[in-house]
Amino acid sequence: MQLVPPCVLLRIRIVLKGAKDKLAKAISTKAEAIQDFNMSKDFSNLTLEFFISGFEEYFKQASAKCPDLDFSKF
């Protein structure tokens, strides 16, 4: 079995630490981006748009299943 020279081990440790630091920064940046978007006007608009869209779809399905009920008042 051949031993790895200490200088090579040190270099590997330095590279791994750099990779860990970059990964931690990327995870942090991703979390910040998600948080910023969730607090944005775009997120609010999309949420409202999907809510209304889902509500309209609900009424279509309810009208199809219960044709005797009048959903036009909603």
C-alpha atoms as a PDB file:
ATOM      1  CA  MET A   1       0.000   0.000   0.000  1.00  0.00           C
ATOM      2  CA  GLN A   2       1.369   3.378  -1.001  1.00  0.00           C
ATOM      3  CA  LEU A   3       0.971   6.359   1.341  1.00  0.00           C
ATOM      4  CA  VAL A   4      -0.373   9.634   0.036  1.00  0.00           C
ATOM      5  CA  PRO A   5       2.079  12.490   0.549  1.00  0.00           C
ATOM      6  CA  PRO A   6       0.985  15.048   3.176  1.00  0.00           C
ATOM      7  CA  CYS A   7       1.035  17.889   0.633  1.00  0.00           C
ATOM      8  CA  VAL A   8      -1.516  16.026  -1.497  1.00  0.00           C
ATOM      9  CA  LEU A   9      -3.744  15.421   1.536  1.00  0.00           C
ATOM     10  CA  LEU A  10      -3.529  19.100   2.445  1.00  0.00           C
ATOM     11  CA  ARG A  11      -4.510  20.092  -1.088  1.00  0.00           C
ATOM     12  CA  ILE A  12      -7.489  17.695  -1.004  1.00  0.00           C
ATOM     13  CA  ARG A  13      -8.631  19.176   2.309  1.00  0.00           C
ATOM     14  CA  ILE A  14      -8.374  22.716   0.897  1.00  0.00           C
ATOM     15  CA  VAL A  15     -10.367  21.766  -2.202  1.00  0.00           C
ATOM     16  CA  LEU A  16     -13.044  20.011  -0.128  1.00  0.00           C
ATOM     17  CA  LYS A  17     -13.376  22.980   2.220  1.00  0.00           C
ATOM     18  CA  GLY A  18     -13.767  25.296  -0.760  1.00  0.00           C
ATOM     19  CA  ALA A  19     -16.445  23.023  -2.217  1.00  0.00           C
ATOM     20  CA  LYS A  20     -18.286  22.901   1.123  1.00  0.00           C
ATOM     21  CA  ASP A  21     -18.144  26.697   1.400  1.00  0.00           C
ATOM     22  CA  LYS A  22     -19.501  27.125  -2.147  1.00  0.00           C
ATOM     23  CA  LEU A  23     -22.304  24.650  -1.467  1.00  0.00           C
ATOM     24  CA  ALA A  24     -23.259  26.432   1.768  1.00  0.00           C
ATOM     25  CA  LYS A  25     -23.308  29.771  -0.062  1.00  0.00           C
ATOM     26  CA  ALA A  26     -25.449  28.346  -2.886  1.00  0.00           C
ATOM     27  CA  ILE A  27     -27.945  26.914  -0.386  1.00  0.00           C
ATOM     28  CA  SER A  28     -28.090  30.225   1.463  1.00  0.00           C
ATOM     29  CA  THR A  29     -28.533  32.173  -1.778  1.00  0.00           C
ATOM     30  CA  LYS A  30     -31.330  29.828  -2.868  1.00  0.00           C
ATOM     31  CA  ALA A  31     -33.139  30.246   0.457  1.00  0.00           C
ATOM     32  CA  GLU A  32     -32.827  34.037   0.242  1.00  0.00           C
ATOM     33  CA  ALA A  33     -34.145  34.050  -3.336  1.00  0.00           C
ATOM     34  CA  ILE A  34     -37.159  31.965  -2.332  1.00  0.00           C
ATOM     35  CA  GLN A  35     -37.839  34.190   0.656  1.00  0.00           C
ATOM     36  CA  ASP A  36     -37.552  37.342  -1.480  1.00  0.00           C
ATOM     37  CA  PHE A  37     -39.931  35.917  -4.077  1.00  0.00           C
ATOM     38  CA  ASN A  38     -42.452  34.832  -1.442  1.00  0.00           C
ATOM     39  CA  MET A  39     -42.530  38.407  -0.134  1.00  0.00           C
ATOM     40  CA  SER A  40     -42.844  39.931  -3.608  1.00  0.00           C
ATOM     41  CA  LYS A  41     -45.837  41.374  -5.433  1.00  0.00           C
ATOM     42  CA  ASP A  42     -45.377  38.756  -8.178  1.00  0.00           C
ATOM     43  CA  PHE A  43     -45.893  35.970  -5.643  1.00  0.00           C
ATOM     44  CA  SER A  44     -49.037  37.639  -4.330  1.00  0.00           C
ATOM     45  CA  ASN A  45     -50.370  38.086  -7.863  1.00  0.00           C
ATOM     46  CA  LEU A  46     -49.641  34.471  -8.805  1.00  0.00           C
ATOM     47  CA  THR A  47     -51.197  33.180  -5.593  1.00  0.00           C
ATOM     48  CA  LEU A  48     -54.363  35.171  -6.222  1.00  0.00           C
ATOM     49  CA  GLU A  49     -54.446  34.118  -9.869  1.00  0.00           C
ATOM     50  CA  PHE A  50     -54.154  30.411  -8.950  1.00  0.00           C
ATOM     51  CA  PHE A  51     -56.759  30.786  -6.187  1.00  0.00           C
ATOM     52  CA  ILE A  52     -59.277  32.355  -8.581  1.00  0.00           C
ATOM     53  CA  SER A  53     -58.465  29.798 -11.277  1.00  0.00           C
ATOM     54  CA  GLY A  54     -59.026  26.959  -8.803  1.00  0.00           C
ATOM     55  CA  PHE A  55     -62.267  28.517  -7.613  1.00  0.00           C
ATOM     56  CA  GLU A  56     -63.554  28.798 -11.181  1.00  0.00           C
ATOM     57  CA  GLU A  57     -62.604  25.174 -11.841  1.00  0.00           C
ATOM     58  CA  TYR A  58     -64.420  24.142  -8.651  1.00  0.00           C
ATOM     59  CA  PHE A  59     -67.614  25.844  -9.855  1.00  0.00           C
ATOM     60  CA  LYS A  60     -67.342  24.141 -13.264  1.00  0.00           C
ATOM     61  CA  GLN A  61     -67.034  20.737 -11.616  1.00  0.00           C
ATOM     62  CA  ALA A  62     -69.768  21.461  -9.075  1.00  0.00           C
ATOM     63  CA  SER A  63     -72.126  22.654 -11.843  1.00  0.00           C
ATOM     64  CA  ALA A  64     -71.440  19.506 -13.839  1.00  0.00           C
ATOM     65  CA  LYS A  65     -72.100  17.229 -10.860  1.00  0.00           C
ATOM     66  CA  CYS A  66     -75.084  19.210  -9.526  1.00  0.00           C
ATOM     67  CA  PRO A  67     -76.864  20.710 -12.541  1.00  0.00           C
ATOM     68  CA  ASP A  68     -79.936  21.480 -10.424  1.00  0.00           C
ATOM     69  CA  LEU A  69     -78.021  23.962  -8.240  1.00  0.00           C
ATOM     70  CA  ASP A  70     -77.547  27.568  -9.353  1.00  0.00           C
ATOM     71  CA  PHE A  71     -73.943  28.675  -8.896  1.00  0.00           C
ATOM     72  CA  SER A  72     -74.346  31.924 -10.840  1.00  0.00           C
ATOM     73  CA  LYS A  73     -74.825  33.948  -7.629  1.00  0.00           C
ATOM     74  CA  PHE A  74     -71.263  33.272  -6.518  1.00  0.00           C
END
